[in-house]
Amino acid sequence: VGVAYGARGGAEPDFWTTPAGQLADRVNRAVPEPKGWVGKALT
């Protein structure tokens, strides 16, 4: 591993740790992962 490419630091919490982000995460897990290269590319 390495730290993923992106901006480090920041003062705001990450979206997925907030209640709205956790809800979005639950919805995301309920929807099946797209199949095939077209579905993945569009996602």
PDB file of all heavy atoms in Angstrom:
ATOM      1  N   VAL A   1       0.814  -1.219   0.000  1.00  0.00           N
ATOM      2  CA  VAL A   1       0.000   0.000   0.000  1.00  0.00           C
ATOM      3  C   VAL A   1       0.843   1.263   0.000  1.00  0.00           C
ATOM      4  O   VAL A   1       2.033   1.244   0.302  1.00  0.00           O
ATOM      5  CB  VAL A   1      -0.937   0.074   1.239  1.00  0.00           C
ATOM      6  CG1 VAL A   1      -1.970  -1.009   1.255  1.00  0.00           C
ATOM      7  CG2 VAL A   1      -0.142   0.106   2.526  1.00  0.00           C
ATOM      8  N   GLY A   2       0.157   2.351  -0.292  1.00  0.00           N
ATOM      9  CA  GLY A   2       0.629   3.703  -0.090  1.00  0.00           C
ATOM     10  C   GLY A   2      -0.605   4.532   0.170  1.00  0.00           C
ATOM     11  O   GLY A   2      -1.733   4.069  -0.050  1.00  0.00           O
ATOM     12  N   VAL A   3      -0.438   5.745   0.657  1.00  0.00           N
ATOM     13  CA  VAL A   3      -1.597   6.623   0.824  1.00  0.00           C
ATOM     14  C   VAL A   3      -2.129   6.917  -0.572  1.00  0.00           C
ATOM     15  O   VAL A   3      -1.367   7.225  -1.488  1.00  0.00           O
ATOM     16  CB  VAL A   3      -1.219   7.927   1.557  1.00  0.00           C
ATOM     17  CG1 VAL A   3      -2.419   8.844   1.663  1.00  0.00           C
ATOM     18  CG2 VAL A   3      -0.645   7.612   2.932  1.00  0.00           C
ATOM     19  N   ALA A   4      -3.432   6.770  -0.757  1.00  0.00           N
ATOM     20  CA  ALA A   4      -4.040   6.965  -2.072  1.00  0.00           C
ATOM     21  C   ALA A   4      -3.799   8.379  -2.574  1.00  0.00           C
ATOM     22  O   ALA A   4      -3.684   9.326  -1.788  1.00  0.00           O
ATOM     23  CB  ALA A   4      -5.539   6.669  -2.003  1.00  0.00           C
ATOM     24  N   TYR A   5      -3.752   8.521  -3.902  1.00  0.00           N
ATOM     25  CA  TYR A   5      -3.567   9.838  -4.509  1.00  0.00           C
ATOM     26  C   TYR A   5      -4.748  10.720  -4.144  1.00  0.00           C
ATOM     27  O   TYR A   5      -5.912  10.338  -4.291  1.00  0.00           O
ATOM     28  CB  TYR A   5      -3.475   9.717  -6.031  1.00  0.00           C
ATOM     29  CG  TYR A   5      -3.267  11.047  -6.705  1.00  0.00           C
ATOM     30  CD1 TYR A   5      -2.004  11.620  -6.742  1.00  0.00           C
ATOM     31  CD2 TYR A   5      -4.327  11.741  -7.264  1.00  0.00           C
ATOM     32  CE1 TYR A   5      -1.805  12.852  -7.357  1.00  0.00           C
ATOM     33  CE2 TYR A   5      -4.131  12.973  -7.874  1.00  0.00           C
ATOM     34  CZ  TYR A   5      -2.869  13.522  -7.910  1.00  0.00           C
ATOM     35  OH  TYR A   5      -2.680  14.743  -8.497  1.00  0.00           O
ATOM     36  N   GLY A   6      -4.479  11.896  -3.667  1.00  0.00           N
ATOM     37  CA  GLY A   6      -5.530  12.837  -3.295  1.00  0.00           C
ATOM     38  C   GLY A   6      -4.966  13.906  -2.387  1.00  0.00           C
ATOM     39  O   GLY A   6      -3.765  13.974  -2.136  1.00  0.00           O
ATOM     40  N   ALA A   7      -5.847  14.752  -1.882  1.00  0.00           N
ATOM     41  CA  ALA A   7      -5.451  15.849  -1.002  1.00  0.00           C
ATOM     42  C   ALA A   7      -5.436  15.345   0.435  1.00  0.00           C
ATOM     43  O   ALA A   7      -6.385  14.736   0.893  1.00  0.00           O
ATOM     44  CB  ALA A   7      -6.422  17.015  -1.156  1.00  0.00           C
ATOM     45  N   ARG A   8      -4.365  15.608   1.127  1.00  0.00           N
ATOM     46  CA  ARG A   8      -4.263  15.171   2.523  1.00  0.00           C
ATOM     47  C   ARG A   8      -4.604  16.324   3.449  1.00  0.00           C
ATOM     48  O   ARG A   8      -4.480  17.475   3.097  1.00  0.00           O
ATOM     49  CB  ARG A   8      -2.860  14.663   2.810  1.00  0.00           C
ATOM     50  CG  ARG A   8      -2.503  13.492   1.926  1.00  0.00           C
ATOM     51  CD  ARG A   8      -1.141  12.961   2.260  1.00  0.00           C
ATOM     52  NE  ARG A   8      -0.751  11.952   1.280  1.00  0.00           N
ATOM     53  CZ  ARG A   8       0.363  11.274   1.355  1.00  0.00           C
ATOM     54  NH1 ARG A   8       1.194  11.468   2.338  1.00  0.00           N
ATOM     55  NH2 ARG A   8       0.660  10.387   0.440  1.00  0.00           N
ATOM     56  N   GLY A   9      -5.009  16.001   4.663  1.00  0.00           N
ATOM     57  CA  GLY A   9      -5.339  17.026   5.639  1.00  0.00           C
ATOM     58  C   GLY A   9      -6.775  17.458   5.512  1.00  0.00           C
ATOM     59  O   GLY A   9      -7.624  16.718   5.029  1.00  0.00           O
ATOM     60  N   GLY A  10      -7.072  18.661   5.946  1.00  0.00           N
ATOM     61  CA  GLY A  10      -8.428  19.176   5.872  1.00  0.00           C
ATOM     62  C   GLY A  10      -9.080  19.221   7.232  1.00  0.00           C
ATOM     63  O   GLY A  10      -8.770  18.451   8.129  1.00  0.00           O
ATOM     64  N   ALA A  11     -10.025  20.116   7.386  1.00  0.00           N
ATOM     65  CA  ALA A  11     -10.673  20.318   8.679  1.00  0.00           C
ATOM     66  C   ALA A  11     -12.061  19.721   8.749  1.00  0.00           C
ATOM     67  O   ALA A  11     -12.638  19.629   9.815  1.00  0.00           O
ATOM     68  CB  ALA A  11     -10.743  21.815   8.971  1.00  0.00           C
ATOM     69  N   GLU A  12     -12.626  19.355   7.611  1.00  0.00           N
ATOM     70  CA  GLU A  12     -14.001  18.856   7.618  1.00  0.00           C
ATOM     71  C   GLU A  12     -14.039  17.344   7.711  1.00  0.00           C
ATOM     72  O   GLU A  12     -13.129  16.667   7.251  1.00  0.00           O
ATOM     73  CB  GLU A  12     -14.748  19.322   6.365  1.00  0.00           C
ATOM     74  CG  GLU A  12     -14.362  18.636   5.087  1.00  0.00           C
ATOM     75  CD  GLU A  12     -13.045  19.100   4.493  1.00  0.00           C
ATOM     76  OE1 GLU A  12     -12.494  20.090   4.971  1.00  0.00           O
ATOM     77  OE2 GLU A  12     -12.591  18.441   3.552  1.00  0.00           O
ATOM     78  N   PRO A  13     -15.086  16.789   8.359  1.00  0.00           N
ATOM     79  CA  PRO A  13     -15.187  15.333   8.411  1.00  0.00           C
ATOM     80  C   PRO A  13     -15.488  14.773   7.031  1.00  0.00           C
ATOM     81  O   PRO A  13     -16.059  15.450   6.191  1.00  0.00           O
ATOM     82  CB  PRO A  13     -16.365  15.091   9.368  1.00  0.00           C
ATOM     83  CG  PRO A  13     -17.150  16.350   9.326  1.00  0.00           C
ATOM     84  CD  PRO A  13     -16.178  17.452   9.033  1.00  0.00           C
ATOM     85  N   ASP A  14     -15.097  13.548   6.803  1.00  0.00           N
ATOM     86  CA  ASP A  14     -15.375  12.885   5.540  1.00  0.00           C
ATOM     87  C   ASP A  14     -16.863  12.606   5.436  1.00  0.00           C
ATOM     88  O   ASP A  14     -17.502  12.251   6.430  1.00  0.00           O
ATOM     89  CB  ASP A  14     -14.586  11.577   5.470  1.00  0.00           C
ATOM     90  CG  ASP A  14     -14.665  10.927   4.105  1.00  0.00           C
ATOM     91  OD1 ASP A  14     -14.543  11.657   3.110  1.00  0.00           O
ATOM     92  OD2 ASP A  14     -14.844   9.711   4.042  1.00  0.00           O
ATOM     93  N   PHE A  15     -17.428  12.739   4.243  1.00  0.00           N
ATOM     94  CA  PHE A  15     -18.866  12.558   4.036  1.00  0.00           C
ATOM     95  C   PHE A  15     -19.363  11.216   4.538  1.00  0.00           C
ATOM     96  O   PHE A  15     -20.393  11.114   5.160  1.00  0.00           O
ATOM     97  CB  PHE A  15     -19.211  12.724   2.549  1.00  0.00           C
ATOM     98  CG  PHE A  15     -20.634  12.361   2.229  1.00  0.00           C
ATOM     99  CD1 PHE A  15     -21.668  13.186   2.606  1.00  0.00           C
ATOM    100  CD2 PHE A  15     -20.926  11.185   1.560  1.00  0.00           C
ATOM    101  CE1 PHE A  15     -22.984  12.859   2.328  1.00  0.00           C
ATOM    102  CE2 PHE A  15     -22.229  10.845   1.265  1.00  0.00           C
ATOM    103  CZ  PHE A  15     -23.267  11.685   1.652  1.00  0.00           C
ATOM    104  N   TRP A  16     -18.604  10.152   4.299  1.00  0.00           N
ATOM    105  CA  TRP A  16     -19.105   8.818   4.634  1.00  0.00           C
ATOM    106  C   TRP A  16     -19.091   8.501   6.110  1.00  0.00           C
ATOM    107  O   TRP A  16     -19.575   7.467   6.537  1.00  0.00           O
ATOM    108  CB  TRP A  16     -18.435   7.734   3.808  1.00  0.00           C
ATOM    109  CG  TRP A  16     -16.977   7.535   3.993  1.00  0.00           C
ATOM    110  CD1 TRP A  16     -15.975   8.367   3.593  1.00  0.00           C
ATOM    111  CD2 TRP A  16     -16.336   6.410   4.602  1.00  0.00           C
ATOM    112  NE1 TRP A  16     -14.767   7.843   3.904  1.00  0.00           N
ATOM    113  CE2 TRP A  16     -14.946   6.646   4.522  1.00  0.00           C
ATOM    114  CE3 TRP A  16     -16.782   5.241   5.180  1.00  0.00           C
ATOM    115  CZ2 TRP A  16     -14.018   5.756   5.020  1.00  0.00           C
ATOM    116  CZ3 TRP A  16     -15.846   4.352   5.669  1.00  0.00           C
ATOM    117  CH2 TRP A  16     -14.493   4.618   5.593  1.00  0.00           C
ATOM    118  N   THR A  17     -18.545   9.421   6.963  1.00  0.00           N
ATOM    119  CA  THR A  17     -18.629   9.243   8.413  1.00  0.00           C
ATOM    120  C   THR A  17     -19.827   9.998   8.996  1.00  0.00           C
ATOM    121  O   THR A  17     -20.130   9.845  10.164  1.00  0.00           O
ATOM    122  CB  THR A  17     -17.343   9.727   9.116  1.00  0.00           C
ATOM    123  OG1 THR A  17     -17.185  11.129   8.881  1.00  0.00           O
ATOM    124  CG2 THR A  17     -16.131   8.971   8.607  1.00  0.00           C
ATOM    125  N   THR A  18     -20.504  10.804   8.187  1.00  0.00           N
ATOM    126  CA  THR A  18     -21.674  11.548   8.653  1.00  0.00           C
ATOM    127  C   THR A  18     -22.921  10.666   8.536  1.00  0.00           C
ATOM    128  O   THR A  18     -22.919   9.668   7.810  1.00  0.00           O
ATOM    129  CB  THR A  18     -21.877  12.819   7.806  1.00  0.00           C
ATOM    130  OG1 THR A  18     -22.202  12.428   6.458  1.00  0.00           O
ATOM    131  CG2 THR A  18     -20.631  13.702   7.799  1.00  0.00           C
ATOM    132  N   PRO A  19     -24.038  11.028   9.236  1.00  0.00           N
ATOM    133  CA  PRO A  19     -25.271  10.229   9.111  1.00  0.00           C
ATOM    134  C   PRO A  19     -25.751  10.104   7.666  1.00  0.00           C
ATOM    135  O   PRO A  19     -26.173   9.027   7.237  1.00  0.00           O
ATOM    136  CB  PRO A  19     -26.276  10.998   9.973  1.00  0.00           C
ATOM    137  CG  PRO A  19     -25.430  11.689  10.998  1.00  0.00           C
ATOM    138  CD  PRO A  19     -24.157  12.048  10.278  1.00  0.00           C
ATOM    139  N   ALA A  20     -25.670  11.193   6.889  1.00  0.00           N
ATOM    140  CA  ALA A  20     -26.095  11.130   5.480  1.00  0.00           C
ATOM    141  C   ALA A  20     -25.192  10.188   4.690  1.00  0.00           C
ATOM    142  O   ALA A  20     -25.654   9.405   3.860  1.00  0.00           O
ATOM    143  CB  ALA A  20     -26.073  12.529   4.859  1.00  0.00           C
ATOM    144  N   GLY A  21     -23.895  10.228   4.964  1.00  0.00           N
ATOM    145  CA  GLY A  21     -22.956   9.339   4.284  1.00  0.00           C
ATOM    146  C   GLY A  21     -23.176   7.884   4.657  1.00  0.00           C
ATOM    147  O   GLY A  21     -23.087   6.990   3.815  1.00  0.00           O
ATOM    148  N   GLN A  22     -23.493   7.633   5.924  1.00  0.00           N
ATOM    149  CA  GLN A  22     -23.762   6.257   6.355  1.00  0.00           C
ATOM    150  C   GLN A  22     -25.027   5.720   5.698  1.00  0.00           C
ATOM    151  O   GLN A  22     -25.085   4.554   5.313  1.00  0.00           O
ATOM    152  CB  GLN A  22     -23.852   6.188   7.882  1.00  0.00           C
ATOM    153  CG  GLN A  22     -22.504   6.438   8.538  1.00  0.00           C
ATOM    154  CD  GLN A  22     -22.609   6.629  10.038  1.00  0.00           C
ATOM    155  OE1 GLN A  22     -23.681   6.710  10.592  1.00  0.00           O
ATOM    156  NE2 GLN A  22     -21.455   6.706  10.685  1.00  0.00           N
ATOM    157  N   LEU A  23     -26.053   6.585   5.544  1.00  0.00           N
ATOM    158  CA  LEU A  23     -27.283   6.179   4.857  1.00  0.00           C
ATOM    159  C   LEU A  23     -26.966   5.870   3.387  1.00  0.00           C
ATOM    160  O   LEU A  23     -27.392   4.854   2.847  1.00  0.00           O
ATOM    161  CB  LEU A  23     -28.351   7.269   4.959  1.00  0.00           C
ATOM    162  CG  LEU A  23     -29.629   7.015   4.156  1.00  0.00           C
ATOM    163  CD1 LEU A  23     -30.350   5.780   4.704  1.00  0.00           C
ATOM    164  CD2 LEU A  23     -30.539   8.225   4.213  1.00  0.00           C
ATOM    165  N   ALA A  24     -26.202   6.751   2.743  1.00  0.00           N
ATOM    166  CA  ALA A  24     -25.827   6.528   1.342  1.00  0.00           C
ATOM    167  C   ALA A  24     -25.033   5.234   1.201  1.00  0.00           C
ATOM    168  O   ALA A  24     -25.200   4.492   0.231  1.00  0.00           O
ATOM    169  CB  ALA A  24     -25.005   7.713   0.827  1.00  0.00           C
ATOM    170  N   ASP A  25     -24.188   4.946   2.191  1.00  0.00           N
ATOM    171  CA  ASP A  25     -23.401   3.717   2.157  1.00  0.00           C
ATOM    172  C   ASP A  25     -24.312   2.484   2.243  1.00  0.00           C
ATOM    173  O   ASP A  25     -24.117   1.512   1.528  1.00  0.00           O
ATOM    174  CB  ASP A  25     -22.399   3.724   3.312  1.00  0.00           C
ATOM    175  CG  ASP A  25     -21.395   2.600   3.202  1.00  0.00           C
ATOM    176  OD1 ASP A  25     -20.965   2.301   2.072  1.00  0.00           O
ATOM    177  OD2 ASP A  25     -21.042   2.034   4.244  1.00  0.00           O
ATOM    178  N   ARG A  26     -25.340   2.531   3.118  1.00  0.00           N
ATOM    179  CA  ARG A  26     -26.272   1.402   3.235  1.00  0.00           C
ATOM    180  C   ARG A  26     -27.034   1.199   1.934  1.00  0.00           C
ATOM    181  O   ARG A  26     -27.228   0.070   1.486  1.00  0.00           O
ATOM    182  CB  ARG A  26     -27.241   1.622   4.395  1.00  0.00           C
ATOM    183  CG  ARG A  26     -26.610   1.341   5.742  1.00  0.00           C
ATOM    184  CD  ARG A  26     -27.643   1.200   6.841  1.00  0.00           C
ATOM    185  NE  ARG A  26     -28.440   2.379   7.062  1.00  0.00           N
ATOM    186  CZ  ARG A  26     -28.092   3.398   7.828  1.00  0.00           C
ATOM    187  NH1 ARG A  26     -26.954   3.376   8.461  1.00  0.00           N
ATOM    188  NH2 ARG A  26     -28.882   4.438   7.978  1.00  0.00           N
ATOM    189  N   VAL A  27     -27.467   2.290   1.294  1.00  0.00           N
ATOM    190  CA  VAL A  27     -28.175   2.196   0.014  1.00  0.00           C
ATOM    191  C   VAL A  27     -27.237   1.621  -1.042  1.00  0.00           C
ATOM    192  O   VAL A  27     -27.605   0.745  -1.825  1.00  0.00           O
ATOM    193  CB  VAL A  27     -28.711   3.579  -0.427  1.00  0.00           C
ATOM    194  CG1 VAL A  27     -29.225   3.545  -1.848  1.00  0.00           C
ATOM    195  CG2 VAL A  27     -29.801   4.046   0.529  1.00  0.00           C
ATOM    196  N   ASN A  28     -25.991   2.099  -1.041  1.00  0.00           N
ATOM    197  CA  ASN A  28     -24.984   1.613  -1.993  1.00  0.00           C
ATOM    198  C   ASN A  28     -24.767   0.111  -1.881  1.00  0.00           C
ATOM    199  O   ASN A  28     -24.633  -0.585  -2.872  1.00  0.00           O
ATOM    200  CB  ASN A  28     -23.666   2.333  -1.719  1.00  0.00           C
ATOM    201  CG  ASN A  28     -23.025   2.832  -2.983  1.00  0.00           C
ATOM    202  OD1 ASN A  28     -23.572   2.689  -4.064  1.00  0.00           O
ATOM    203  ND2 ASN A  28     -21.861   3.426  -2.829  1.00  0.00           N
ATOM    204  N   ARG A  29     -24.727  -0.394  -0.646  1.00  0.00           N
ATOM    205  CA  ARG A  29     -24.520  -1.827  -0.442  1.00  0.00           C
ATOM    206  C   ARG A  29     -25.727  -2.645  -0.882  1.00  0.00           C
ATOM    207  O   ARG A  29     -25.591  -3.803  -1.250  1.00  0.00           O
ATOM    208  CB  ARG A  29     -24.224  -2.115   1.026  1.00  0.00           C
ATOM    209  CG  ARG A  29     -22.840  -1.694   1.422  1.00  0.00           C
ATOM    210  CD  ARG A  29     -22.513  -2.174   2.793  1.00  0.00           C
ATOM    211  NE  ARG A  29     -21.767  -1.121   3.482  1.00  0.00           N
ATOM    212  CZ  ARG A  29     -21.491  -1.143   4.758  1.00  0.00           C
ATOM    213  NH1 ARG A  29     -21.891  -2.122   5.517  1.00  0.00           N
ATOM    214  NH2 ARG A  29     -20.807  -0.180   5.294  1.00  0.00           N
ATOM    215  N   ALA A  30     -26.924  -2.044  -0.819  1.00  0.00           N
ATOM    216  CA  ALA A  30     -28.139  -2.762  -1.208  1.00  0.00           C
ATOM    217  C   ALA A  30     -28.263  -2.894  -2.719  1.00  0.00           C
ATOM    218  O   ALA A  30     -28.909  -3.801  -3.225  1.00  0.00           O
ATOM    219  CB  ALA A  30     -29.365  -2.042  -0.643  1.00  0.00           C
ATOM    220  N   VAL A  31     -27.640  -1.966  -3.458  1.00  0.00           N
ATOM    221  CA  VAL A  31     -27.702  -1.990  -4.921  1.00  0.00           C
ATOM    222  C   VAL A  31     -26.547  -2.854  -5.426  1.00  0.00           C
ATOM    223  O   VAL A  31     -25.399  -2.647  -5.039  1.00  0.00           O
ATOM    224  CB  VAL A  31     -27.589  -0.557  -5.497  1.00  0.00           C
ATOM    225  CG1 VAL A  31     -27.548  -0.576  -7.006  1.00  0.00           C
ATOM    226  CG2 VAL A  31     -28.720   0.301  -4.984  1.00  0.00           C
ATOM    227  N   PRO A  32     -26.827  -3.819  -6.263  1.00  0.00           N
ATOM    228  CA  PRO A  32     -25.746  -4.692  -6.751  1.00  0.00           C
ATOM    229  C   PRO A  32     -24.695  -3.914  -7.537  1.00  0.00           C
ATOM    230  O   PRO A  32     -24.996  -2.903  -8.173  1.00  0.00           O
ATOM    231  CB  PRO A  32     -26.456  -5.697  -7.650  1.00  0.00           C
ATOM    232  CG  PRO A  32     -27.871  -5.288  -7.735  1.00  0.00           C
ATOM    233  CD  PRO A  32     -28.114  -4.143  -6.815  1.00  0.00           C
ATOM    234  N   GLU A  33     -23.457  -4.393  -7.470  1.00  0.00           N
ATOM    235  CA  GLU A  33     -22.364  -3.763  -8.208  1.00  0.00           C
ATOM    236  C   GLU A  33     -22.607  -3.938  -9.701  1.00  0.00           C
ATOM    237  O   GLU A  33     -23.018  -5.006 -10.142  1.00  0.00           O
ATOM    238  CB  GLU A  33     -21.040  -4.413  -7.802  1.00  0.00           C
ATOM    239  CG  GLU A  33     -19.846  -3.627  -8.258  1.00  0.00           C
ATOM    240  CD  GLU A  33     -18.552  -4.120  -7.629  1.00  0.00           C
ATOM    241  OE1 GLU A  33     -18.547  -4.416  -6.430  1.00  0.00           O
ATOM    242  OE2 GLU A  33     -17.557  -4.206  -8.359  1.00  0.00           O
ATOM    243  N   PRO A  34     -22.363  -2.890 -10.502  1.00  0.00           N
ATOM    244  CA  PRO A  34     -22.598  -3.004 -11.945  1.00  0.00           C
ATOM    245  C   PRO A  34     -21.726  -4.083 -12.574  1.00  0.00           C
ATOM    246  O   PRO A  34     -20.585  -4.266 -12.185  1.00  0.00           O
ATOM    247  CB  PRO A  34     -22.244  -1.619 -12.486  1.00  0.00           C
ATOM    248  CG  PRO A  34     -21.452  -0.963 -11.426  1.00  0.00           C
ATOM    249  CD  PRO A  34     -21.810  -1.597 -10.122  1.00  0.00           C
ATOM    250  N   LYS A  35     -22.299  -4.771 -13.532  1.00  0.00           N
ATOM    251  CA  LYS A  35     -21.570  -5.846 -14.211  1.00  0.00           C
ATOM    252  C   LYS A  35     -21.096  -5.364 -15.579  1.00  0.00           C
ATOM    253  O   LYS A  35     -21.707  -4.502 -16.194  1.00  0.00           O
ATOM    254  CB  LYS A  35     -22.480  -7.072 -14.401  1.00  0.00           C
ATOM    255  CG  LYS A  35     -23.031  -7.612 -13.106  1.00  0.00           C
ATOM    256  CD  LYS A  35     -21.939  -8.258 -12.283  1.00  0.00           C
ATOM    257  CE  LYS A  35     -22.532  -8.878 -11.026  1.00  0.00           C
ATOM    258  NZ  LYS A  35     -21.617  -8.933  -9.947  1.00  0.00           N
ATOM    259  N   GLY A  36     -20.027  -5.944 -16.034  1.00  0.00           N
ATOM    260  CA  GLY A  36     -19.522  -5.630 -17.364  1.00  0.00           C
ATOM    261  C   GLY A  36     -18.762  -4.321 -17.387  1.00  0.00           C
ATOM    262  O   GLY A  36     -18.869  -3.495 -16.492  1.00  0.00           O
ATOM    263  N   TRP A  37     -18.008  -4.145 -18.418  1.00  0.00           N
ATOM    264  CA  TRP A  37     -17.176  -2.945 -18.501  1.00  0.00           C
ATOM    265  C   TRP A  37     -17.990  -1.681 -18.721  1.00  0.00           C
ATOM    266  O   TRP A  37     -17.626  -0.610 -18.254  1.00  0.00           O
ATOM    267  CB  TRP A  37     -16.092  -3.119 -19.566  1.00  0.00           C
ATOM    268  CG  TRP A  37     -16.612  -3.151 -20.979  1.00  0.00           C
ATOM    269  CD1 TRP A  37     -17.043  -4.228 -21.678  1.00  0.00           C
ATOM    270  CD2 TRP A  37     -16.775  -2.031 -21.851  1.00  0.00           C
ATOM    271  NE1 TRP A  37     -17.454  -3.866 -22.919  1.00  0.00           N
ATOM    272  CE2 TRP A  37     -17.304  -2.505 -23.061  1.00  0.00           C
ATOM    273  CE3 TRP A  37     -16.526  -0.673 -21.733  1.00  0.00           C
ATOM    274  CZ2 TRP A  37     -17.591  -1.673 -24.129  1.00  0.00           C
ATOM    275  CZ3 TRP A  37     -16.801   0.155 -22.806  1.00  0.00           C
ATOM    276  CH2 TRP A  37     -17.335  -0.354 -23.978  1.00  0.00           C
ATOM    277  N   VAL A  38     -19.131  -1.757 -19.404  1.00  0.00           N
ATOM    278  CA  VAL A  38     -19.947  -0.558 -19.642  1.00  0.00           C
ATOM    279  C   VAL A  38     -20.535  -0.055 -18.331  1.00  0.00           C
ATOM    280  O   VAL A  38     -20.454   1.133 -18.012  1.00  0.00           O
ATOM    281  CB  VAL A  38     -21.065  -0.848 -20.676  1.00  0.00           C
ATOM    282  CG1 VAL A  38     -21.994   0.339 -20.793  1.00  0.00           C
ATOM    283  CG2 VAL A  38     -20.465  -1.179 -22.027  1.00  0.00           C
ATOM    284  N   GLY A  39     -21.108  -0.970 -17.540  1.00  0.00           N
ATOM    285  CA  GLY A  39     -21.691  -0.577 -16.255  1.00  0.00           C
ATOM    286  C   GLY A  39     -20.661   0.023 -15.323  1.00  0.00           C
ATOM    287  O   GLY A  39     -20.909   1.040 -14.677  1.00  0.00           O
ATOM    288  N   LYS A  40     -19.478  -0.590 -15.262  1.00  0.00           N
ATOM    289  CA  LYS A  40     -18.433  -0.081 -14.388  1.00  0.00           C
ATOM    290  C   LYS A  40     -17.911   1.268 -14.870  1.00  0.00           C
ATOM    291  O   LYS A  40     -17.624   2.156 -14.086  1.00  0.00           O
ATOM    292  CB  LYS A  40     -17.305  -1.099 -14.268  1.00  0.00           C
ATOM    293  CG  LYS A  40     -17.732  -2.322 -13.480  1.00  0.00           C
ATOM    294  CD  LYS A  40     -16.628  -3.319 -13.322  1.00  0.00           C
ATOM    295  CE  LYS A  40     -17.133  -4.511 -12.522  1.00  0.00           C
ATOM    296  NZ  LYS A  40     -16.142  -5.508 -12.303  1.00  0.00           N
ATOM    297  N   ALA A  41     -17.783   1.424 -16.172  1.00  0.00           N
ATOM    298  CA  ALA A  41     -17.311   2.703 -16.712  1.00  0.00           C
ATOM    299  C   ALA A  41     -18.311   3.810 -16.416  1.00  0.00           C
ATOM    300  O   ALA A  41     -17.937   4.903 -16.007  1.00  0.00           O
ATOM    301  CB  ALA A  41     -17.070   2.586 -18.214  1.00  0.00           C
ATOM    302  N   LEU A  42     -19.594   3.526 -16.604  1.00  0.00           N
ATOM    303  CA  LEU A  42     -20.616   4.543 -16.339  1.00  0.00           C
ATOM    304  C   LEU A  42     -20.671   4.908 -14.865  1.00  0.00           C
ATOM    305  O   LEU A  42     -20.825   6.072 -14.508  1.00  0.00           O
ATOM    306  CB  LEU A  42     -21.997   4.061 -16.813  1.00  0.00           C
ATOM    307  CG  LEU A  42     -22.167   3.972 -18.325  1.00  0.00           C
ATOM    308  CD1 LEU A  42     -23.531   3.388 -18.682  1.00  0.00           C
ATOM    309  CD2 LEU A  42     -21.998   5.340 -18.972  1.00  0.00           C
ATOM    310  N   THR A  43     -20.510   3.934 -13.985  1.00  0.00           N
ATOM    311  CA  THR A  43     -20.500   4.207 -12.556  1.00  0.00           C
ATOM    312  C   THR A  43     -19.339   5.125 -12.206  1.00  0.00           C
ATOM    313  O   THR A  43     -19.501   6.086 -11.472  1.00  0.00           O
ATOM    314  CB  THR A  43     -20.381   2.891 -11.758  1.00  0.00           C
ATOM    315  OG1 THR A  43     -21.477   2.057 -12.108  1.00  0.00           O
ATOM    316  CG2 THR A  43     -20.391   3.143 -10.278  1.00  0.00           C
TER     317      THR A  43
END
